[in-house]
Amino acid sequence: MNSLTVQELKSLIDNNEEFQLIDVREPYEVEICTLNGIEIPMNEIPGRVDEIATDKKVIVHCRSGKRSANVIDFLEQNHNFQNLYNLEGGILAWIEEVDPTMEAY
């Protein structure tokens, strides 16, 4: 499985690189803090696969990286995606290393 660090994500954002960011957390979690990605809760992924880009880098994140890794496994095994990257440590790593002003939970 491909992955990238929060520092690498920050670099992509800072350099205005083209990618898709997908947040697989639940809506109540997104209300606490967000990286402004497309919100597709983990349990909705199978019915919303068509919303996931196939022509650019797609970064999938959750709170800590476990749910997003499971989503990537599912998408790679069942839908042949090859452009997915798991955000190591999830939004908690982002808060710790990039933006400590965000609320952690």
C-alpha atoms as a PDB file:
ATOM      1  CA  MET A   1       0.000   0.000   0.000  1.00  0.00           C
ATOM      2  CA  ASN A   2       1.225   3.465  -0.891  1.00  0.00           C
ATOM      3  CA  SER A   3       1.329   6.028   1.882  1.00  0.00           C
ATOM      4  CA  LEU A   4       2.523   9.526   2.517  1.00  0.00           C
ATOM      5  CA  THR A   5       3.316  11.583   5.572  1.00  0.00           C
ATOM      6  CA  VAL A   6       1.483  14.675   6.736  1.00  0.00           C
ATOM      7  CA  GLN A   7       4.571  16.699   5.773  1.00  0.00           C
ATOM      8  CA  GLU A   8       4.308  15.344   2.224  1.00  0.00           C
ATOM      9  CA  LEU A   9       0.600  16.247   2.144  1.00  0.00           C
ATOM     10  CA  LYS A  10       1.392  19.748   3.371  1.00  0.00           C
ATOM     11  CA  SER A  11       3.953  20.080   0.574  1.00  0.00           C
ATOM     12  CA  LEU A  12       1.354  19.019  -2.022  1.00  0.00           C
ATOM     13  CA  ILE A  13      -1.063  21.626  -0.651  1.00  0.00           C
ATOM     14  CA  ASP A  14       1.587  24.366  -0.452  1.00  0.00           C
ATOM     15  CA  ASN A  15       2.659  23.682  -4.042  1.00  0.00           C
ATOM     16  CA  ASN A  16      -0.934  23.642  -5.336  1.00  0.00           C
ATOM     17  CA  GLU A  17      -0.431  20.157  -6.750  1.00  0.00           C
ATOM     18  CA  GLU A  18      -3.447  18.348  -8.147  1.00  0.00           C
ATOM     19  CA  PHE A  19      -4.784  15.519  -5.999  1.00  0.00           C
ATOM     20  CA  GLN A  20      -8.011  14.366  -4.398  1.00  0.00           C
ATOM     21  CA  LEU A  21      -8.323  14.164  -0.611  1.00  0.00           C
ATOM     22  CA  ILE A  22     -10.944  11.788   0.775  1.00  0.00           C
ATOM     23  CA  ASP A  23     -11.982  11.793   4.433  1.00  0.00           C
ATOM     24  CA  VAL A  24     -13.516   8.450   5.449  1.00  0.00           C
ATOM     25  CA  ARG A  25     -14.424   9.509   9.003  1.00  0.00           C
ATOM     26  CA  GLU A  26     -17.970   9.822  10.299  1.00  0.00           C
ATOM     27  CA  PRO A  27     -19.797  13.184   9.965  1.00  0.00           C
ATOM     28  CA  TYR A  28     -19.588  13.899  13.716  1.00  0.00           C
ATOM     29  CA  GLU A  29     -15.783  13.532  13.505  1.00  0.00           C
ATOM     30  CA  VAL A  30     -15.547  15.884  10.534  1.00  0.00           C
ATOM     31  CA  GLU A  31     -17.474  18.485  12.557  1.00  0.00           C
ATOM     32  CA  ILE A  32     -14.668  18.463  15.154  1.00  0.00           C
ATOM     33  CA  CYS A  33     -11.832  19.051  12.688  1.00  0.00           C
ATOM     34  CA  THR A  34     -11.318  18.728   8.952  1.00  0.00           C
ATOM     35  CA  LEU A  35      -8.730  18.947   6.198  1.00  0.00           C
ATOM     36  CA  ASN A  36     -11.526  19.932   3.787  1.00  0.00           C
ATOM     37  CA  GLY A  37     -11.436  16.749   1.760  1.00  0.00           C
ATOM     38  CA  ILE A  38     -14.382  15.022   0.142  1.00  0.00           C
ATOM     39  CA  GLU A  39     -16.365  13.370   2.910  1.00  0.00           C
ATOM     40  CA  ILE A  40     -17.201   9.724   2.158  1.00  0.00           C
ATOM     41  CA  PRO A  41     -17.704   7.816   5.417  1.00  0.00           C
ATOM     42  CA  MET A  42     -16.090   4.384   5.363  1.00  0.00           C
ATOM     43  CA  ASN A  43     -19.410   2.517   5.233  1.00  0.00           C
ATOM     44  CA  GLU A  44     -20.483   4.548   2.164  1.00  0.00           C
ATOM     45  CA  ILE A  45     -17.374   3.796   0.080  1.00  0.00           C
ATOM     46  CA  PRO A  46     -18.836   0.761  -1.786  1.00  0.00           C
ATOM     47  CA  GLY A  47     -21.755   2.841  -3.080  1.00  0.00           C
ATOM     48  CA  ARG A  48     -19.697   5.924  -3.898  1.00  0.00           C
ATOM     49  CA  VAL A  49     -16.693   4.445  -5.702  1.00  0.00           C
ATOM     50  CA  ASP A  50     -17.517   6.527  -8.785  1.00  0.00           C
ATOM     51  CA  GLU A  51     -16.656   9.704  -6.818  1.00  0.00           C
ATOM     52  CA  ILE A  52     -13.047   8.589  -6.408  1.00  0.00           C
ATOM     53  CA  ALA A  53     -10.643   9.847  -9.075  1.00  0.00           C
ATOM     54  CA  THR A  54      -8.705   7.383 -11.169  1.00  0.00           C
ATOM     55  CA  ASP A  55      -6.645   9.930 -13.108  1.00  0.00           C
ATOM     56  CA  LYS A  56      -4.721  11.595 -10.267  1.00  0.00           C
ATOM     57  CA  LYS A  57      -3.245  10.928  -6.842  1.00  0.00           C
ATOM     58  CA  VAL A  58      -5.926  10.182  -4.247  1.00  0.00           C
ATOM     59  CA  ILE A  59      -5.045  10.580  -0.577  1.00  0.00           C
ATOM     60  CA  VAL A  60      -7.368   8.808   1.845  1.00  0.00           C
ATOM     61  CA  HIS A  61      -7.403   9.754   5.517  1.00  0.00           C
ATOM     62  CA  CYS A  62      -9.212   9.089   8.763  1.00  0.00           C
ATOM     63  CA  ARG A  63      -8.414   9.795  12.404  1.00  0.00           C
ATOM     64  CA  SER A  64      -5.289   7.652  12.776  1.00  0.00           C
ATOM     65  CA  GLY A  65      -4.775   5.841   9.467  1.00  0.00           C
ATOM     66  CA  LYS A  66      -6.377   2.467  10.201  1.00  0.00           C
ATOM     67  CA  ARG A  67      -9.805   2.991   8.584  1.00  0.00           C
ATOM     68  CA  SER A  68      -8.263   4.668   5.561  1.00  0.00           C
ATOM     69  CA  ALA A  69      -5.888   1.709   5.149  1.00  0.00           C
ATOM     70  CA  ASN A  70      -8.886  -0.649   5.217  1.00  0.00           C
ATOM     71  CA  VAL A  71     -10.671   1.468   2.604  1.00  0.00           C
ATOM     72  CA  ILE A  72      -7.607   1.438   0.359  1.00  0.00           C
ATOM     73  CA  ASP A  73      -7.302  -2.346   0.711  1.00  0.00           C
ATOM     74  CA  PHE A  74     -10.955  -2.708  -0.305  1.00  0.00           C
ATOM     75  CA  LEU A  75     -10.640  -0.359  -3.291  1.00  0.00           C
ATOM     76  CA  GLU A  76      -7.408  -1.915  -4.552  1.00  0.00           C
ATOM     77  CA  GLN A  77      -8.691  -5.480  -4.239  1.00  0.00           C
ATOM     78  CA  ASN A  78     -12.231  -4.936  -5.543  1.00  0.00           C
ATOM     79  CA  HIS A  79     -11.941  -1.987  -7.938  1.00  0.00           C
ATOM     80  CA  ASN A  80      -8.308  -2.161  -9.130  1.00  0.00           C
ATOM     81  CA  PHE A  81      -7.325   1.320  -7.931  1.00  0.00           C
ATOM     82  CA  GLN A  82      -3.595   1.980  -8.201  1.00  0.00           C
ATOM     83  CA  ASN A  83      -3.449   5.678  -7.372  1.00  0.00           C
ATOM     84  CA  LEU A  84      -4.374   5.599  -3.667  1.00  0.00           C
ATOM     85  CA  TYR A  85      -2.222   6.816  -0.775  1.00  0.00           C
ATOM     86  CA  ASN A  86      -2.891   6.373   2.926  1.00  0.00           C
ATOM     87  CA  LEU A  87      -2.160   9.411   5.106  1.00  0.00           C
ATOM     88  CA  GLU A  88       0.179   8.042   7.777  1.00  0.00           C
ATOM     89  CA  GLY A  89      -1.166   8.787  11.246  1.00  0.00           C
ATOM     90  CA  GLY A  90      -4.331  10.400   9.881  1.00  0.00           C
ATOM     91  CA  ILE A  91      -5.633  13.731  11.035  1.00  0.00           C
ATOM     92  CA  LEU A  92      -4.106  13.185  14.475  1.00  0.00           C
ATOM     93  CA  ALA A  93      -0.629  13.289  12.901  1.00  0.00           C
ATOM     94  CA  TRP A  94      -1.650  16.414  10.962  1.00  0.00           C
ATOM     95  CA  ILE A  95      -2.681  18.109  14.204  1.00  0.00           C
ATOM     96  CA  GLU A  96       0.500  17.017  15.987  1.00  0.00           C
ATOM     97  CA  GLU A  97       2.978  17.873  13.236  1.00  0.00           C
ATOM     98  CA  VAL A  98       1.370  20.550  11.048  1.00  0.00           C
ATOM     99  CA  ASP A  99      -1.498  22.409  12.734  1.00  0.00           C
ATOM    100  CA  PRO A 100      -1.664  22.087  16.525  1.00  0.00           C
ATOM    101  CA  THR A 101      -4.422  24.711  16.629  1.00  0.00           C
ATOM    102  CA  MET A 102      -6.908  22.145  15.336  1.00  0.00           C
ATOM    103  CA  GLU A 103      -9.001  20.314  17.897  1.00  0.00           C
ATOM    104  CA  ALA A 104      -7.924  16.722  18.508  1.00  0.00           C
ATOM    105  CA  TYR A 105     -10.298  14.046  19.730  1.00  0.00           C
END
